[in-house]
Amino acid sequence: MPDSYQIESVSRAIESFEACIRQTFSVKDMADAACYSLFHFCRVFAHTTGLTPYQYMLRRRLAKAALELQQTEHNIGRIAVDYEFSSPETFARAFKRYYGMLPSEWRKSPRHHPSLLIPAIDEQLLNLIHKLKFLPESGDVTPRLWGIMSCDDGTELARLFSKITGVTEDIWYVRWYPENLPGQIYSFAGIAQKTATEGLVMLELPQGEWFAAEADAPVEDIERAITCLQHVFLANRVPISPVRFAVSSGNRTLISR
């Protein structure tokens, strides 16, 4: 595990890069910002983030370009140049390799799951990632939950569930993203039990490939950390795939893809 000085140095280098993401900025520039030699910086960066500096820079530029494709009508060639790709063709090849579609196809799609875009890594996120306790896989566990749900990010849903039912412990909080509705979020808050409770809806979590982690942090922060880990651990498995379920109960979080 990296020490606090290494995390701080890498975070400083990343912050410098993020401020110049649309400008010429090299790995050597990042090393200078961290006050390391180029060789030592590359080793520390990989040890701290799980990516090489070049991989991080490429993924972040692709993520920013993908957002711009969604949010603006800017010419694709202009976006390629803005994010330091040598030509529209080079940009298109890198984009398709990572996202599984051309920039023009991405722009035509109505929505894309936010977990497809690697977040900017900062000191808080690095500290959380290295504090996560990884738990055994729990893909065969399919608890039956009873509770309330909403068609949004459900920030206050667990609190509302407690107010309605009087339950204050062992509440499960679920966010899921239907594959047939890209970008749509459904939220659920409830308790695990075998019998029905009048006025509550039932949600049964599916079997599948689950990633389990434990940390004293809000589920939103853990999801952000898991999203970052997805881009790290699946660095060579592209195109990248989105989160399907994010489940939190106490300080335990489960993510299914």
Protein backbone atom coordinates (compact mmCIF):
# COMPACT_ATOMS: atom_id res chain seq x y z
CA MET A 1 0.00 0.00 0.00
CA PRO A 2 1.37 3.46 -0.87
CA ASP A 3 2.22 5.82 1.97
CA SER A 4 0.57 9.20 2.54
CA TYR A 5 3.45 11.08 0.88
CA GLN A 6 3.17 9.00 -2.30
CA ILE A 7 -0.62 9.49 -2.42
CA GLU A 8 -0.20 13.23 -1.92
CA SER A 9 2.50 13.47 -4.62
CA VAL A 10 0.51 11.47 -7.17
CA SER A 11 -2.62 13.51 -6.38
CA ARG A 12 -0.67 16.72 -6.97
CA ALA A 13 0.56 15.43 -10.33
CA ILE A 14 -2.97 14.42 -11.36
CA GLU A 15 -4.34 17.80 -10.31
CA SER A 16 -1.76 19.50 -12.53
CA PHE A 17 -2.72 17.29 -15.47
CA GLU A 18 -6.47 17.81 -14.95
CA ALA A 19 -5.96 21.59 -15.04
CA CYS A 20 -4.25 21.22 -18.45
CA ILE A 21 -6.23 18.32 -19.89
CA ARG A 22 -6.91 20.21 -23.13
CA GLN A 23 -3.30 21.28 -23.51
CA THR A 24 -0.02 19.57 -24.31
CA PHE A 25 0.97 17.91 -21.05
CA SER A 26 3.40 15.01 -20.83
CA VAL A 27 4.17 12.31 -18.29
CA LYS A 28 7.38 14.24 -17.61
CA ASP A 29 5.25 17.28 -16.68
CA MET A 30 3.34 15.10 -14.21
CA ALA A 31 6.60 13.82 -12.73
CA ASP A 32 7.84 17.39 -12.30
CA ALA A 33 4.60 18.33 -10.50
CA ALA A 34 5.13 15.38 -8.13
CA CYS A 35 8.81 16.32 -7.62
CA TYR A 36 9.98 12.87 -8.74
CA SER A 37 12.31 11.69 -11.47
CA LEU A 38 10.43 10.34 -14.50
CA PHE A 39 11.44 6.72 -13.79
CA HIS A 40 10.53 6.85 -10.10
CA PHE A 41 7.29 8.70 -10.79
CA CYS A 42 6.05 6.05 -13.23
CA ARG A 43 6.67 3.33 -10.66
CA VAL A 44 4.99 5.25 -7.81
CA PHE A 45 2.03 6.25 -9.99
CA ALA A 46 1.36 2.64 -11.06
CA HIS A 47 1.74 1.42 -7.46
CA THR A 48 -0.67 4.07 -6.21
CA THR A 49 -3.36 4.04 -8.93
CA GLY A 50 -3.00 0.68 -10.70
CA LEU A 51 -2.53 2.49 -14.04
CA THR A 52 0.46 3.88 -15.85
CA PRO A 53 0.46 7.69 -16.15
CA TYR A 54 -0.14 7.35 -19.90
CA GLN A 55 -3.14 5.04 -19.37
CA TYR A 56 -4.67 7.50 -16.92
CA MET A 57 -4.13 10.48 -19.21
CA LEU A 58 -5.61 8.65 -22.21
CA ARG A 59 -8.68 7.41 -20.30
CA ARG A 60 -9.39 10.83 -18.80
CA ARG A 61 -9.07 12.57 -22.17
CA LEU A 62 -11.42 10.01 -23.71
CA ALA A 63 -13.88 10.50 -20.84
CA LYS A 64 -13.86 14.28 -21.22
CA ALA A 65 -14.23 13.96 -25.00
CA ALA A 66 -17.15 11.54 -24.52
CA LEU A 67 -18.91 14.07 -22.28
CA GLU A 68 -18.35 16.80 -24.86
CA LEU A 69 -19.81 14.59 -27.58
CA GLN A 70 -22.94 14.18 -25.43
CA GLN A 71 -23.29 17.77 -24.30
CA THR A 72 -22.27 19.83 -27.36
CA GLU A 73 -22.55 19.89 -31.12
CA HIS A 74 -18.83 20.52 -31.58
CA ASN A 75 -17.23 18.94 -34.61
CA ILE A 76 -15.65 15.56 -33.81
CA GLY A 77 -12.38 16.60 -35.46
CA ARG A 78 -12.26 19.70 -33.25
CA ILE A 79 -12.87 17.60 -30.11
CA ALA A 80 -10.06 15.23 -31.14
CA VAL A 81 -7.60 18.11 -31.48
CA ASP A 82 -8.83 19.77 -28.26
CA TYR A 83 -7.96 16.62 -26.30
CA GLU A 84 -4.51 16.23 -27.83
CA PHE A 85 -5.16 13.44 -30.32
CA SER A 86 -2.97 13.72 -33.40
CA SER A 87 -5.86 13.23 -35.84
CA PRO A 88 -9.60 12.41 -35.90
CA GLU A 89 -8.67 8.89 -37.06
CA THR A 90 -6.39 8.31 -34.06
CA PHE A 91 -9.13 9.60 -31.76
CA ALA A 92 -11.77 7.37 -33.38
CA ARG A 93 -9.59 4.24 -33.03
CA ALA A 94 -8.85 4.90 -29.35
CA PHE A 95 -12.48 5.76 -28.64
CA LYS A 96 -13.84 2.63 -30.31
CA ARG A 97 -11.32 0.40 -28.57
CA TYR A 98 -12.33 1.72 -25.15
CA TYR A 99 -16.07 2.31 -25.56
CA GLY A 100 -16.92 -0.22 -28.24
CA MET A 101 -18.33 2.36 -30.68
CA LEU A 102 -17.19 5.26 -32.82
CA PRO A 103 -17.50 8.85 -31.51
CA SER A 104 -20.30 9.49 -34.04
CA GLU A 105 -22.22 6.44 -32.76
CA TRP A 106 -21.72 7.54 -29.14
CA ARG A 107 -23.15 10.98 -29.98
CA LYS A 108 -26.27 9.46 -31.56
CA SER A 109 -27.04 7.30 -28.49
CA PRO A 110 -29.45 9.13 -26.13
CA ARG A 111 -27.72 8.35 -22.82
CA HIS A 112 -24.66 6.59 -21.45
CA HIS A 113 -24.07 5.22 -17.99
CA PRO A 114 -21.77 7.53 -15.96
CA SER A 115 -19.68 4.58 -14.73
CA LEU A 116 -18.33 4.20 -18.28
CA LEU A 117 -16.31 7.38 -17.74
CA ILE A 118 -13.32 7.15 -15.43
CA PRO A 119 -13.60 9.87 -12.76
CA ALA A 120 -10.79 12.28 -12.00
CA ILE A 121 -8.67 10.70 -9.27
CA ASP A 122 -7.95 12.89 -6.26
CA GLU A 123 -6.38 12.42 -2.84
CA GLN A 124 -9.69 11.63 -1.13
CA LEU A 125 -10.53 8.96 -3.70
CA LEU A 126 -7.08 7.35 -3.50
CA ASN A 127 -7.28 7.17 0.30
CA LEU A 128 -10.72 5.56 0.10
CA ILE A 129 -9.61 3.03 -2.53
CA HIS A 130 -6.71 1.90 -0.37
CA LYS A 131 -8.93 1.62 2.73
CA LEU A 132 -11.57 -0.57 1.07
CA LYS A 133 -11.80 -4.06 2.55
CA PHE A 134 -12.57 -6.57 -0.17
CA LEU A 135 -15.06 -9.25 0.86
CA PRO A 136 -15.82 -12.72 -0.51
CA GLU A 137 -17.94 -12.81 -3.67
CA SER A 138 -21.65 -12.92 -2.92
CA GLY A 139 -23.13 -13.63 -6.33
CA ASP A 140 -25.27 -16.56 -5.11
CA VAL A 141 -26.94 -14.48 -2.39
CA THR A 142 -30.31 -13.24 -3.65
CA PRO A 143 -32.01 -11.58 -0.66
CA ARG A 144 -35.68 -10.67 -0.96
CA LEU A 145 -36.11 -7.05 0.04
CA TRP A 146 -39.28 -5.18 0.98
CA GLY A 147 -39.37 -1.40 0.88
CA ILE A 148 -40.05 1.71 -1.21
CA MET A 149 -38.56 2.86 -4.49
CA SER A 150 -38.27 5.91 -6.72
CA CYS A 151 -37.25 6.72 -10.27
CA ASP A 152 -34.24 8.91 -9.41
CA ASP A 153 -31.01 8.72 -7.42
CA GLY A 154 -32.99 8.31 -4.17
CA THR A 155 -30.73 10.42 -1.97
CA GLU A 156 -33.33 10.75 0.81
CA LEU A 157 -35.05 7.41 0.25
CA ALA A 158 -33.52 5.51 3.20
CA ARG A 159 -34.47 8.35 5.55
CA LEU A 160 -38.03 8.36 4.20
CA PHE A 161 -38.25 4.57 4.63
CA SER A 162 -37.21 4.94 8.29
CA LYS A 163 -39.82 7.66 8.82
CA ILE A 164 -42.60 5.52 7.28
CA THR A 165 -41.75 2.22 8.97
CA GLY A 166 -39.85 3.20 12.13
CA VAL A 167 -36.98 0.91 11.06
CA THR A 168 -33.56 2.48 11.71
CA GLU A 169 -31.14 -0.48 11.40
CA ASP A 170 -30.20 -3.04 8.74
CA ILE A 171 -31.69 -0.93 5.94
CA TRP A 172 -30.65 -1.91 2.42
CA TYR A 173 -30.15 0.87 -0.12
CA VAL A 174 -30.14 -0.15 -3.79
CA ARG A 175 -29.50 1.77 -6.99
CA TRP A 176 -29.84 0.01 -10.31
CA TYR A 177 -29.52 0.95 -13.94
CA PRO A 178 -31.77 -0.89 -16.42
CA GLU A 179 -29.84 -2.02 -19.49
CA ASN A 180 -32.74 -1.09 -21.78
CA LEU A 181 -32.90 2.47 -20.38
CA PRO A 182 -29.36 3.90 -20.58
CA GLY A 183 -28.70 6.61 -17.99
CA GLN A 184 -31.92 5.91 -16.02
CA ILE A 185 -31.50 5.35 -12.27
CA TYR A 186 -33.94 3.50 -10.01
CA SER A 187 -33.53 3.58 -6.23
CA PHE A 188 -34.85 1.34 -3.47
CA ALA A 189 -34.66 1.37 0.33
CA GLY A 190 -35.92 -1.50 2.46
CA ILE A 191 -35.20 -4.49 4.67
CA ALA A 192 -34.45 -8.15 3.98
CA GLN A 193 -37.28 -10.46 5.02
CA LYS A 194 -39.09 -13.53 3.72
CA THR A 195 -42.68 -12.39 4.24
CA ALA A 196 -44.57 -9.53 2.64
CA THR A 197 -45.33 -6.27 4.43
CA GLU A 198 -48.45 -4.37 3.41
CA GLY A 199 -47.72 -1.17 1.53
CA LEU A 200 -44.13 -2.14 0.59
CA VAL A 201 -42.84 -3.38 -2.77
CA MET A 202 -40.62 -6.43 -3.19
CA LEU A 203 -37.19 -6.43 -4.87
CA GLU A 204 -35.20 -9.64 -5.32
CA LEU A 205 -31.55 -9.10 -6.18
CA PRO A 206 -30.39 -11.21 -9.12
CA GLN A 207 -27.60 -13.73 -9.10
CA GLY A 208 -24.51 -12.63 -10.96
CA GLU A 209 -20.94 -11.46 -10.67
CA TRP A 210 -20.79 -9.26 -7.58
CA PHE A 211 -17.92 -7.18 -6.24
CA ALA A 212 -18.08 -6.65 -2.47
CA ALA A 213 -16.28 -4.02 -0.42
CA GLU A 214 -16.54 -2.59 3.07
CA ALA A 215 -15.78 0.97 4.17
CA ASP A 216 -17.09 3.70 6.42
CA ALA A 217 -18.17 6.01 3.59
CA PRO A 218 -21.41 7.02 1.83
CA VAL A 219 -22.50 4.64 -0.92
CA GLU A 220 -22.01 7.43 -3.50
CA ASP A 221 -18.32 7.73 -2.55
CA ILE A 222 -17.85 3.97 -2.62
CA GLU A 223 -19.55 3.77 -6.03
CA ARG A 224 -17.11 6.41 -7.29
CA ALA A 225 -14.21 4.38 -5.90
CA ILE A 226 -15.59 1.18 -7.46
CA THR A 227 -16.02 2.97 -10.79
CA CYS A 228 -12.37 3.99 -10.60
CA LEU A 229 -11.33 0.44 -9.67
CA GLN A 230 -13.34 -0.87 -12.62
CA HIS A 231 -11.18 1.16 -14.99
CA VAL A 232 -8.04 0.01 -13.16
CA PHE A 233 -8.70 -3.71 -12.81
CA LEU A 234 -10.30 -3.98 -16.25
CA ALA A 235 -7.57 -1.91 -17.89
CA ASN A 236 -7.00 -4.60 -20.52
CA ARG A 237 -10.64 -5.73 -20.81
CA VAL A 238 -12.19 -3.30 -23.25
CA PRO A 239 -14.70 -2.08 -24.21
CA ILE A 240 -15.60 -1.15 -20.64
CA SER A 241 -18.94 -2.31 -19.14
CA PRO A 242 -21.26 -0.30 -16.86
CA VAL A 243 -22.48 -0.87 -13.30
CA ARG A 244 -25.85 -2.70 -13.09
CA PHE A 245 -26.55 -2.70 -9.34
CA ALA A 246 -25.02 -0.83 -6.39
CA VAL A 247 -26.23 -2.10 -3.02
CA SER A 248 -25.35 -0.74 0.42
CA SER A 249 -26.25 -2.10 3.85
CA GLY A 250 -24.43 -0.53 6.77
CA ASN A 251 -20.80 -0.13 5.71
CA ARG A 252 -20.97 -3.00 3.23
CA THR A 253 -21.34 -2.23 -0.46
CA LEU A 254 -21.98 -4.68 -3.31
CA ILE A 255 -21.53 -3.81 -6.95
CA SER A 256 -22.78 -5.94 -9.84
CA ARG A 257 -21.74 -5.46 -13.48
